[in-house]
Amino acid sequence: MSDEVPRYLGLAPYLYYTDATEAVEWLTRVFGFREKVRYVDAAGEVFQATLLAGDAEVQVTAVDSTYWEAKGVDGPVGQLNVVYVDDVDAQYERVREAVGESVELTTPQDQPYGARLFTVQDVGGNSWTFWQRISDTVDLPVGWQEIRADDASDGQAGTNGAASESGAGSDSDLG
């Protein structure tokens, strides 16, 4: 065993489910995520698992209503998970075949910001958008501007300090 401590990269969302065992099964079967590790209680039920969505890690955690009551809230709110894929239509077909009519599923649509995507809710009510980049061109609505972090430091907007109101620009990446 290596003495080297593994380094975590990027962002790993923690998703809460009342039945984490069911969630792990569903996410691996329907989305094609790969299970990296699971931690189970004495009854063999998952209380935490790490899944891989491409190179990204997703943490699946079991909680019951007392967890949220102790925090004074009804449950987790305000989250959308975006998974970048190479072929959104193939991922859509995989999900559609796995869930049939049992969950609401949008059809893949091209977006004006250079993406093709669809959205689905999982067994725990979490929203997932599968996203394929199809263009570097972003068609901004009239009056909108693209301001990149590398341009914002000099107080200028848009590419090379010029404001972009026409809708031509490029999608910004995190980092």
N, C-alpha and C. Protein backbone atom coordinates (compact mmCIF):
# COMPACT_ATOMS: atom_id res chain seq x y z
N MET A 1 0.84 -1.19 0.00
CA MET A 1 0.00 0.00 0.00
C MET A 1 0.88 1.24 0.00
N SER A 2 0.56 2.20 -0.81
CA SER A 2 1.34 3.41 -0.96
C SER A 2 1.12 4.35 0.22
N ASP A 3 2.19 5.07 0.60
CA ASP A 3 2.07 6.08 1.65
C ASP A 3 1.58 7.41 1.09
N GLU A 4 1.48 7.49 -0.22
CA GLU A 4 1.06 8.73 -0.86
C GLU A 4 -0.43 8.97 -0.61
N VAL A 5 -0.77 10.17 -0.17
CA VAL A 5 -2.16 10.53 0.09
C VAL A 5 -2.81 10.92 -1.24
N PRO A 6 -3.97 10.31 -1.58
CA PRO A 6 -4.61 10.66 -2.85
C PRO A 6 -5.08 12.11 -2.83
N ARG A 7 -4.97 12.75 -3.96
CA ARG A 7 -5.39 14.14 -4.11
C ARG A 7 -6.76 14.17 -4.77
N TYR A 8 -7.69 14.90 -4.16
CA TYR A 8 -9.01 15.06 -4.75
C TYR A 8 -8.97 16.20 -5.75
N LEU A 9 -9.66 16.03 -6.86
CA LEU A 9 -9.69 17.03 -7.91
C LEU A 9 -11.11 17.50 -8.15
N GLY A 10 -11.25 18.75 -8.53
CA GLY A 10 -12.54 19.27 -8.96
C GLY A 10 -13.57 19.37 -7.85
N LEU A 11 -14.79 19.07 -8.21
CA LEU A 11 -15.94 19.23 -7.34
C LEU A 11 -16.68 17.90 -7.26
N ALA A 12 -17.04 17.47 -6.07
CA ALA A 12 -17.76 16.20 -5.90
C ALA A 12 -19.05 16.47 -5.13
N PRO A 13 -20.18 16.55 -5.83
CA PRO A 13 -21.43 16.81 -5.12
C PRO A 13 -21.83 15.64 -4.23
N TYR A 14 -22.42 15.97 -3.08
CA TYR A 14 -23.00 14.97 -2.19
C TYR A 14 -24.50 15.03 -2.39
N LEU A 15 -25.08 13.91 -2.79
CA LEU A 15 -26.50 13.83 -3.03
C LEU A 15 -27.14 12.98 -1.95
N TYR A 16 -28.24 13.47 -1.40
CA TYR A 16 -28.89 12.81 -0.27
C TYR A 16 -30.12 12.04 -0.74
N TYR A 17 -30.22 10.80 -0.27
CA TYR A 17 -31.34 9.92 -0.62
C TYR A 17 -31.83 9.23 0.64
N THR A 18 -33.14 9.01 0.72
CA THR A 18 -33.67 8.23 1.84
C THR A 18 -33.30 6.76 1.68
N ASP A 19 -33.08 6.30 0.45
CA ASP A 19 -32.65 4.93 0.20
C ASP A 19 -31.44 4.97 -0.73
N ALA A 20 -30.25 5.06 -0.14
CA ALA A 20 -29.02 5.18 -0.92
C ALA A 20 -28.72 3.91 -1.71
N THR A 21 -29.13 2.76 -1.20
CA THR A 21 -28.93 1.50 -1.92
C THR A 21 -29.69 1.54 -3.25
N GLU A 22 -30.94 1.96 -3.19
CA GLU A 22 -31.76 2.10 -4.40
C GLU A 22 -31.15 3.14 -5.34
N ALA A 23 -30.67 4.25 -4.78
CA ALA A 23 -30.09 5.31 -5.60
C ALA A 23 -28.85 4.83 -6.35
N VAL A 24 -27.97 4.09 -5.67
CA VAL A 24 -26.76 3.57 -6.31
C VAL A 24 -27.15 2.64 -7.46
N GLU A 25 -28.09 1.75 -7.21
CA GLU A 25 -28.55 0.83 -8.26
C GLU A 25 -29.12 1.60 -9.44
N TRP A 26 -29.96 2.60 -9.17
CA TRP A 26 -30.62 3.37 -10.21
C TRP A 26 -29.61 4.17 -11.02
N LEU A 27 -28.72 4.89 -10.35
CA LEU A 27 -27.75 5.74 -11.04
C LEU A 27 -26.78 4.92 -11.90
N THR A 28 -26.39 3.74 -11.43
CA THR A 28 -25.49 2.91 -12.23
C THR A 28 -26.23 2.26 -13.40
N ARG A 29 -27.44 1.80 -13.16
CA ARG A 29 -28.21 1.13 -14.22
C ARG A 29 -28.72 2.11 -15.27
N VAL A 30 -29.28 3.23 -14.81
CA VAL A 30 -29.93 4.17 -15.74
C VAL A 30 -28.93 5.11 -16.40
N PHE A 31 -28.03 5.71 -15.63
CA PHE A 31 -27.10 6.69 -16.19
C PHE A 31 -25.79 6.07 -16.65
N GLY A 32 -25.50 4.86 -16.20
CA GLY A 32 -24.23 4.24 -16.57
C GLY A 32 -23.06 4.68 -15.70
N PHE A 33 -23.36 5.29 -14.54
CA PHE A 33 -22.28 5.65 -13.62
C PHE A 33 -21.61 4.37 -13.15
N ARG A 34 -20.35 4.48 -12.76
CA ARG A 34 -19.60 3.32 -12.25
C ARG A 34 -19.41 3.47 -10.75
N GLU A 35 -19.59 2.38 -10.05
CA GLU A 35 -19.41 2.41 -8.60
C GLU A 35 -17.92 2.27 -8.28
N LYS A 36 -17.41 3.20 -7.48
CA LYS A 36 -16.01 3.16 -7.06
C LYS A 36 -15.88 2.47 -5.71
N VAL A 37 -16.72 2.87 -4.76
CA VAL A 37 -16.68 2.28 -3.42
C VAL A 37 -18.04 2.51 -2.76
N ARG A 38 -18.40 1.59 -1.88
CA ARG A 38 -19.62 1.79 -1.09
C ARG A 38 -19.31 1.43 0.36
N TYR A 39 -19.99 2.12 1.27
CA TYR A 39 -19.89 1.86 2.70
C TYR A 39 -21.28 1.44 3.14
N VAL A 40 -21.37 0.28 3.79
CA VAL A 40 -22.66 -0.25 4.18
C VAL A 40 -22.76 -0.37 5.70
N ASP A 41 -24.00 -0.32 6.19
CA ASP A 41 -24.23 -0.49 7.63
C ASP A 41 -24.32 -1.98 7.96
N ALA A 42 -24.64 -2.29 9.20
CA ALA A 42 -24.70 -3.68 9.66
C ALA A 42 -25.76 -4.49 8.91
N ALA A 43 -26.79 -3.82 8.39
CA ALA A 43 -27.84 -4.50 7.64
C ALA A 43 -27.49 -4.65 6.15
N GLY A 44 -26.32 -4.15 5.76
CA GLY A 44 -25.91 -4.24 4.36
C GLY A 44 -26.45 -3.14 3.47
N GLU A 45 -27.08 -2.13 4.08
CA GLU A 45 -27.63 -1.00 3.32
C GLU A 45 -26.55 0.06 3.12
N VAL A 46 -26.52 0.66 1.94
CA VAL A 46 -25.55 1.72 1.64
C VAL A 46 -25.84 2.94 2.50
N PHE A 47 -24.82 3.43 3.22
CA PHE A 47 -24.98 4.73 3.87
C PHE A 47 -24.14 5.78 3.17
N GLN A 48 -23.16 5.38 2.37
CA GLN A 48 -22.45 6.31 1.50
C GLN A 48 -21.77 5.50 0.40
N ALA A 49 -21.73 6.09 -0.81
CA ALA A 49 -21.05 5.46 -1.94
C ALA A 49 -20.45 6.54 -2.81
N THR A 50 -19.36 6.20 -3.47
CA THR A 50 -18.75 7.09 -4.45
C THR A 50 -18.97 6.47 -5.82
N LEU A 51 -19.61 7.24 -6.70
CA LEU A 51 -19.84 6.81 -8.07
C LEU A 51 -19.01 7.68 -9.00
N LEU A 52 -18.68 7.14 -10.15
CA LEU A 52 -17.94 7.89 -11.16
C LEU A 52 -18.85 8.18 -12.34
N ALA A 53 -18.92 9.46 -12.69
CA ALA A 53 -19.62 9.92 -13.89
C ALA A 53 -18.53 10.46 -14.80
N GLY A 54 -18.02 9.61 -15.67
CA GLY A 54 -16.81 9.96 -16.41
C GLY A 54 -15.66 10.01 -15.43
N ASP A 55 -14.97 11.14 -15.37
CA ASP A 55 -13.87 11.31 -14.42
C ASP A 55 -14.33 11.97 -13.12
N ALA A 56 -15.57 12.42 -13.07
CA ALA A 56 -16.08 13.14 -11.91
C ALA A 56 -16.66 12.18 -10.88
N GLU A 57 -16.46 12.50 -9.61
CA GLU A 57 -17.03 11.71 -8.52
C GLU A 57 -18.34 12.31 -8.05
N VAL A 58 -19.29 11.44 -7.76
CA VAL A 58 -20.57 11.82 -7.18
C VAL A 58 -20.72 11.01 -5.90
N GLN A 59 -20.99 11.69 -4.79
CA GLN A 59 -21.18 11.02 -3.51
C GLN A 59 -22.67 10.80 -3.28
N VAL A 60 -23.04 9.59 -2.97
CA VAL A 60 -24.43 9.24 -2.66
C VAL A 60 -24.48 8.93 -1.17
N THR A 61 -25.35 9.64 -0.45
CA THR A 61 -25.40 9.53 1.00
C THR A 61 -26.82 9.26 1.47
N ALA A 62 -26.97 8.33 2.41
CA ALA A 62 -28.29 8.01 2.97
C ALA A 62 -28.59 8.93 4.15
N VAL A 63 -29.77 9.50 4.14
CA VAL A 63 -30.25 10.29 5.28
C VAL A 63 -31.74 10.04 5.43
N ASP A 64 -32.23 10.21 6.65
CA ASP A 64 -33.67 10.12 6.84
C ASP A 64 -34.19 11.49 7.24
N SER A 65 -35.49 11.61 7.45
CA SER A 65 -36.09 12.91 7.72
C SER A 65 -35.55 13.56 8.99
N THR A 66 -35.08 12.77 9.96
CA THR A 66 -34.56 13.37 11.19
C THR A 66 -33.29 14.19 10.93
N TYR A 67 -32.53 13.82 9.90
CA TYR A 67 -31.33 14.57 9.53
C TYR A 67 -31.71 16.00 9.17
N TRP A 68 -32.74 16.15 8.32
CA TRP A 68 -33.16 17.48 7.89
C TRP A 68 -33.90 18.22 8.99
N GLU A 69 -34.71 17.52 9.77
CA GLU A 69 -35.43 18.16 10.86
C GLU A 69 -34.46 18.79 11.84
N ALA A 70 -33.35 18.12 12.13
CA ALA A 70 -32.34 18.66 13.04
C ALA A 70 -31.72 19.94 12.50
N LYS A 71 -31.73 20.10 11.18
CA LYS A 71 -31.19 21.31 10.55
C LYS A 71 -32.27 22.37 10.33
N GLY A 72 -33.52 22.01 10.65
CA GLY A 72 -34.61 22.97 10.53
C GLY A 72 -35.10 23.18 9.10
N VAL A 73 -34.87 22.20 8.22
CA VAL A 73 -35.33 22.32 6.83
C VAL A 73 -36.07 21.04 6.43
N ASP A 74 -36.85 21.14 5.35
CA ASP A 74 -37.60 19.98 4.86
C ASP A 74 -36.73 18.98 4.11
N GLY A 75 -35.63 19.44 3.54
CA GLY A 75 -34.76 18.57 2.76
C GLY A 75 -33.86 19.40 1.87
N PRO A 76 -33.02 18.76 1.07
CA PRO A 76 -32.12 19.52 0.21
C PRO A 76 -32.91 20.26 -0.87
N VAL A 77 -32.46 21.44 -1.20
CA VAL A 77 -33.13 22.25 -2.22
C VAL A 77 -32.10 22.93 -3.11
N GLY A 78 -32.54 23.32 -4.30
CA GLY A 78 -31.75 24.19 -5.16
C GLY A 78 -30.53 23.59 -5.81
N GLN A 79 -30.63 22.37 -6.31
CA GLN A 79 -29.47 21.76 -6.94
C GLN A 79 -29.84 21.17 -8.28
N LEU A 80 -28.97 21.37 -9.25
CA LEU A 80 -29.06 20.72 -10.56
C LEU A 80 -27.68 20.15 -10.85
N ASN A 81 -27.62 18.91 -11.25
CA ASN A 81 -26.36 18.26 -11.57
C ASN A 81 -26.21 18.19 -13.07
N VAL A 82 -25.08 18.67 -13.58
CA VAL A 82 -24.80 18.65 -15.01
C VAL A 82 -23.69 17.64 -15.26
N VAL A 83 -23.94 16.71 -16.18
CA VAL A 83 -22.95 15.70 -16.56
C VAL A 83 -22.60 15.93 -18.02
N TYR A 84 -21.32 16.17 -18.29
CA TYR A 84 -20.85 16.38 -19.66
C TYR A 84 -20.61 15.03 -20.32
N VAL A 85 -21.18 14.83 -21.50
CA VAL A 85 -21.04 13.57 -22.23
C VAL A 85 -20.62 13.85 -23.66
N ASP A 86 -20.06 12.83 -24.32
CA ASP A 86 -19.64 12.96 -25.71
C ASP A 86 -20.80 12.80 -26.68
N ASP A 87 -21.83 12.04 -26.30
CA ASP A 87 -22.96 11.76 -27.19
C ASP A 87 -24.25 11.81 -26.38
N VAL A 88 -24.88 12.98 -26.35
CA VAL A 88 -26.07 13.17 -25.52
C VAL A 88 -27.25 12.34 -26.04
N ASP A 89 -27.33 12.12 -27.34
CA ASP A 89 -28.43 11.33 -27.88
C ASP A 89 -28.33 9.87 -27.45
N ALA A 90 -27.12 9.33 -27.44
CA ALA A 90 -26.91 7.96 -26.97
C ALA A 90 -27.24 7.85 -25.48
N GLN A 91 -26.86 8.85 -24.69
CA GLN A 91 -27.17 8.84 -23.26
C GLN A 91 -28.67 8.94 -23.04
N TYR A 92 -29.33 9.76 -23.84
CA TYR A 92 -30.79 9.88 -23.76
C TYR A 92 -31.45 8.53 -24.02
N GLU A 93 -31.02 7.84 -25.07
CA GLU A 93 -31.59 6.53 -25.40
C GLU A 93 -31.36 5.54 -24.26
N ARG A 94 -30.19 5.58 -23.67
CA ARG A 94 -29.89 4.68 -22.54
C ARG A 94 -30.86 4.94 -21.39
N VAL A 95 -31.03 6.22 -21.04
CA VAL A 95 -31.92 6.58 -19.93
C VAL A 95 -33.36 6.23 -20.28
N ARG A 96 -33.80 6.59 -21.48
CA ARG A 96 -35.19 6.33 -21.89
C ARG A 96 -35.50 4.83 -21.86
N GLU A 97 -34.58 4.02 -22.36
CA GLU A 97 -34.80 2.57 -22.34
C GLU A 97 -34.82 2.02 -20.91
N ALA A 98 -34.03 2.60 -20.03
CA ALA A 98 -33.95 2.10 -18.65
C ALA A 98 -35.15 2.49 -17.81
N VAL A 99 -35.71 3.68 -18.04
CA VAL A 99 -36.79 4.16 -17.18
C VAL A 99 -38.16 4.10 -17.83
N GLY A 100 -38.22 3.96 -19.15
CA GLY A 100 -39.51 3.93 -19.83
C GLY A 100 -40.30 5.19 -19.55
N GLU A 101 -41.52 5.02 -19.10
CA GLU A 101 -42.40 6.16 -18.81
C GLU A 101 -42.43 6.47 -17.31
N SER A 102 -41.54 5.86 -16.53
CA SER A 102 -41.62 5.97 -15.07
C SER A 102 -41.14 7.31 -14.53
N VAL A 103 -40.37 8.08 -15.31
CA VAL A 103 -39.92 9.39 -14.86
C VAL A 103 -40.08 10.40 -16.00
N GLU A 104 -40.16 11.68 -15.62
CA GLU A 104 -40.24 12.73 -16.62
C GLU A 104 -38.86 12.94 -17.23
N LEU A 105 -38.82 12.99 -18.54
CA LEU A 105 -37.57 13.06 -19.27
C LEU A 105 -37.77 14.01 -20.45
N THR A 106 -36.96 15.07 -20.54
CA THR A 106 -37.07 15.96 -21.70
C THR A 106 -36.30 15.35 -22.86
N THR A 107 -36.68 15.69 -24.07
CA THR A 107 -35.94 15.20 -25.24
C THR A 107 -34.73 16.10 -25.48
N PRO A 108 -33.66 15.56 -26.06
CA PRO A 108 -32.48 16.39 -26.32
C PRO A 108 -32.82 17.56 -27.24
N GLN A 109 -32.33 18.73 -26.86
CA GLN A 109 -32.56 19.95 -27.63
C GLN A 109 -31.26 20.72 -27.76
N ASP A 110 -31.04 21.32 -28.94
CA ASP A 110 -29.90 22.22 -29.13
C ASP A 110 -30.22 23.54 -28.45
N GLN A 111 -29.22 24.11 -27.77
CA GLN A 111 -29.39 25.36 -27.04
C GLN A 111 -28.56 26.46 -27.70
N PRO A 112 -28.95 27.73 -27.54
CA PRO A 112 -28.22 28.82 -28.19
C PRO A 112 -26.83 29.06 -27.61
N TYR A 113 -26.49 28.39 -26.52
CA TYR A 113 -25.17 28.57 -25.91
C TYR A 113 -24.23 27.43 -26.27
N GLY A 114 -24.48 26.78 -27.40
CA GLY A 114 -23.53 25.79 -27.92
C GLY A 114 -23.61 24.42 -27.29
N ALA A 115 -24.78 24.06 -26.77
CA ALA A 115 -24.93 22.76 -26.12
C ALA A 115 -26.17 22.04 -26.64
N ARG A 116 -26.13 20.74 -26.55
CA ARG A 116 -27.31 19.89 -26.78
C ARG A 116 -27.51 19.14 -25.47
N LEU A 117 -28.74 19.14 -24.94
CA LEU A 117 -28.94 18.58 -23.61
C LEU A 117 -30.34 18.04 -23.41
N PHE A 118 -30.46 17.24 -22.34
CA PHE A 118 -31.77 16.80 -21.85
C PHE A 118 -31.68 16.71 -20.33
N THR A 119 -32.86 16.72 -19.69
CA THR A 119 -32.94 16.71 -18.23
C THR A 119 -33.87 15.59 -17.76
N VAL A 120 -33.52 15.02 -16.61
CA VAL A 120 -34.30 13.94 -16.01
C VAL A 120 -34.17 14.04 -14.49
N GLN A 121 -35.20 13.58 -13.77
CA GLN A 121 -35.12 13.49 -12.31
C GLN A 121 -34.87 12.05 -11.92
N ASP A 122 -34.02 11.85 -10.91
CA ASP A 122 -33.72 10.49 -10.45
C ASP A 122 -34.72 10.04 -9.38
N VAL A 123 -34.49 8.87 -8.82
CA VAL A 123 -35.41 8.29 -7.84
C VAL A 123 -35.52 9.10 -6.55
N GLY A 124 -34.54 9.96 -6.28
CA GLY A 124 -34.57 10.80 -5.09
C GLY A 124 -35.07 12.20 -5.36
N GLY A 125 -35.46 12.49 -6.62
CA GLY A 125 -35.95 13.81 -6.97
C GLY A 125 -34.87 14.79 -7.39
N ASN A 126 -33.62 14.34 -7.48
CA ASN A 126 -32.53 15.21 -7.93
C ASN A 126 -32.61 15.40 -9.44
N SER A 127 -32.37 16.63 -9.90
CA SER A 127 -32.40 16.93 -11.33
C SER A 127 -31.02 16.74 -11.94
N TRP A 128 -30.99 16.09 -13.09
CA TRP A 128 -29.76 15.82 -13.83
C TRP A 128 -29.93 16.33 -15.25
N THR A 129 -28.94 17.09 -15.73
CA THR A 129 -28.90 17.50 -17.12
C THR A 129 -27.68 16.88 -17.76
N PHE A 130 -27.89 16.16 -18.85
CA PHE A 130 -26.79 15.60 -19.62
C PHE A 130 -26.53 16.55 -20.78
N TRP A 131 -25.29 16.96 -20.91
CA TRP A 131 -24.91 18.09 -21.75
C TRP A 131 -23.79 17.70 -22.69
N GLN A 132 -23.98 17.96 -23.98
CA GLN A 132 -22.93 17.74 -24.98
C GLN A 132 -22.62 19.09 -25.62
N ARG A 133 -21.37 19.44 -25.62
CA ARG A 133 -20.97 20.69 -26.27
C ARG A 133 -20.96 20.46 -27.77
N ILE A 134 -21.66 21.31 -28.52
CA ILE A 134 -21.76 21.13 -29.96
C ILE A 134 -21.18 22.31 -30.74
N SER A 135 -20.86 23.40 -30.04
CA SER A 135 -20.33 24.57 -30.73
C SER A 135 -19.60 25.46 -29.74
N ASP A 136 -18.64 26.21 -30.24
CA ASP A 136 -17.97 27.22 -29.42
C ASP A 136 -18.69 28.55 -29.49
N THR A 137 -19.72 28.64 -30.32
CA THR A 137 -20.45 29.88 -30.51
C THR A 137 -21.59 29.97 -29.51
N VAL A 138 -21.71 31.13 -28.88
CA VAL A 138 -22.80 31.39 -27.96
C VAL A 138 -23.64 32.51 -28.55
N ASP A 139 -24.92 32.25 -28.77
CA ASP A 139 -25.84 33.27 -29.29
C ASP A 139 -26.52 33.93 -28.10
N LEU A 140 -26.00 35.08 -27.69
CA LEU A 140 -26.55 35.79 -26.54
C LEU A 140 -27.80 36.56 -26.93
N PRO A 141 -28.77 36.67 -26.02
CA PRO A 141 -29.92 37.52 -26.29
C PRO A 141 -29.49 38.97 -26.49
N VAL A 142 -30.27 39.73 -27.25
CA VAL A 142 -29.96 41.14 -27.51
C VAL A 142 -29.77 41.87 -26.19
N GLY A 143 -28.70 42.64 -26.09
CA GLY A 143 -28.41 43.42 -24.90
C GLY A 143 -27.52 42.72 -23.89
N TRP A 144 -27.34 41.42 -24.02
CA TRP A 144 -26.48 40.68 -23.11
C TRP A 144 -25.04 40.83 -23.55
N GLN A 145 -24.12 40.67 -22.59
CA GLN A 145 -22.69 40.73 -22.88
C GLN A 145 -22.00 39.52 -22.28
N GLU A 146 -20.94 39.10 -22.92
CA GLU A 146 -20.08 38.06 -22.35
C GLU A 146 -18.90 38.76 -21.71
N ILE A 147 -18.67 38.52 -20.43
CA ILE A 147 -17.53 39.09 -19.72
C ILE A 147 -16.72 37.94 -19.17
N ARG A 148 -15.54 37.77 -19.68
CA ARG A 148 -14.67 36.68 -19.24
C ARG A 148 -13.80 37.15 -18.08
N ALA A 149 -13.47 36.24 -17.19
CA ALA A 149 -12.66 36.58 -16.02
C ALA A 149 -11.34 37.22 -16.41
N ASP A 150 -10.70 36.74 -17.48
CA ASP A 150 -9.42 37.31 -17.88
C ASP A 150 -9.58 38.71 -18.45
N ASP A 151 -10.78 39.09 -18.90
CA ASP A 151 -11.03 40.43 -19.41
C ASP A 151 -11.55 41.36 -18.31
N ALA A 152 -12.21 40.80 -17.30
CA ALA A 152 -12.85 41.60 -16.26
C ALA A 152 -11.84 42.33 -15.40
N SER A 153 -10.62 41.82 -15.28
CA SER A 153 -9.62 42.44 -14.41
C SER A 153 -9.23 43.83 -14.88
N ASP A 154 -9.36 44.11 -16.19
CA ASP A 154 -9.01 45.44 -16.68
C ASP A 154 -10.25 46.32 -16.85
N GLY A 155 -11.39 45.83 -16.35
CA GLY A 155 -12.62 46.61 -16.40
C GLY A 155 -13.31 46.58 -17.74
N GLN A 156 -12.81 45.80 -18.68
CA GLN A 156 -13.39 45.73 -20.01
C GLN A 156 -14.28 44.50 -20.13
N ALA A 157 -15.25 44.57 -20.99
CA ALA A 157 -16.16 43.44 -21.22
C ALA A 157 -15.87 42.79 -22.56
N GLY A 158 -16.17 41.50 -22.64
CA GLY A 158 -16.08 40.79 -23.91
C GLY A 158 -14.69 40.38 -24.28
N THR A 159 -14.55 39.81 -25.45
CA THR A 159 -13.27 39.33 -25.93
C THR A 159 -12.39 40.50 -26.32
N ASN A 160 -11.13 40.47 -25.90
CA ASN A 160 -10.15 41.52 -26.19
C ASN A 160 -10.62 42.90 -25.76
N GLY A 161 -11.41 42.95 -24.68
CA GLY A 161 -11.84 44.22 -24.13
C GLY A 161 -13.03 44.83 -24.83
N ALA A 162 -13.57 44.19 -25.87
CA ALA A 162 -14.70 44.74 -26.59
C ALA A 162 -15.99 44.09 -26.10
N ALA A 163 -17.01 44.91 -25.91
CA ALA A 163 -18.30 44.37 -25.49
C ALA A 163 -18.91 43.58 -26.62
N SER A 164 -19.48 42.45 -26.29
CA SER A 164 -20.11 41.59 -27.29
C SER A 164 -21.60 41.58 -27.07
N GLU A 165 -22.33 42.34 -27.88
CA GLU A 165 -23.78 42.37 -27.76
C GLU A 165 -24.46 41.67 -28.91
N SER A 166 -23.71 41.26 -29.91
CA SER A 166 -24.31 40.65 -31.09
C SER A 166 -24.72 39.21 -30.87
N GLY A 167 -24.15 38.59 -29.86
CA GLY A 167 -24.45 37.18 -29.64
C GLY A 167 -23.32 36.27 -30.07
N ALA A 168 -22.28 36.82 -30.67
CA ALA A 168 -21.15 35.98 -31.04
C ALA A 168 -20.17 35.98 -29.88
N GLY A 169 -19.77 34.85 -29.47
CA GLY A 169 -18.82 34.71 -28.37
C GLY A 169 -18.52 33.26 -28.18
N SER A 170 -17.89 32.94 -27.08
CA SER A 170 -17.61 31.53 -26.83
C SER A 170 -17.95 31.18 -25.40
N ASP A 171 -18.26 29.94 -25.20
CA ASP A 171 -18.66 29.42 -23.91
C ASP A 171 -17.48 29.45 -22.94
N SER A 172 -17.70 29.92 -21.74
CA SER A 172 -16.64 29.95 -20.73
C SER A 172 -16.55 28.61 -20.03
N ASP A 173 -15.34 28.19 -19.71
CA ASP A 173 -15.12 26.97 -18.94
C ASP A 173 -14.81 27.34 -17.51
N LEU A 174 -15.16 26.48 -16.57
CA LEU A 174 -14.80 26.70 -15.18
C LEU A 174 -13.32 26.49 -15.03
N GLY A 175 -12.67 27.39 -14.30
CA GLY A 175 -11.26 27.18 -14.02
C GLY A 175 -10.37 27.88 -14.89
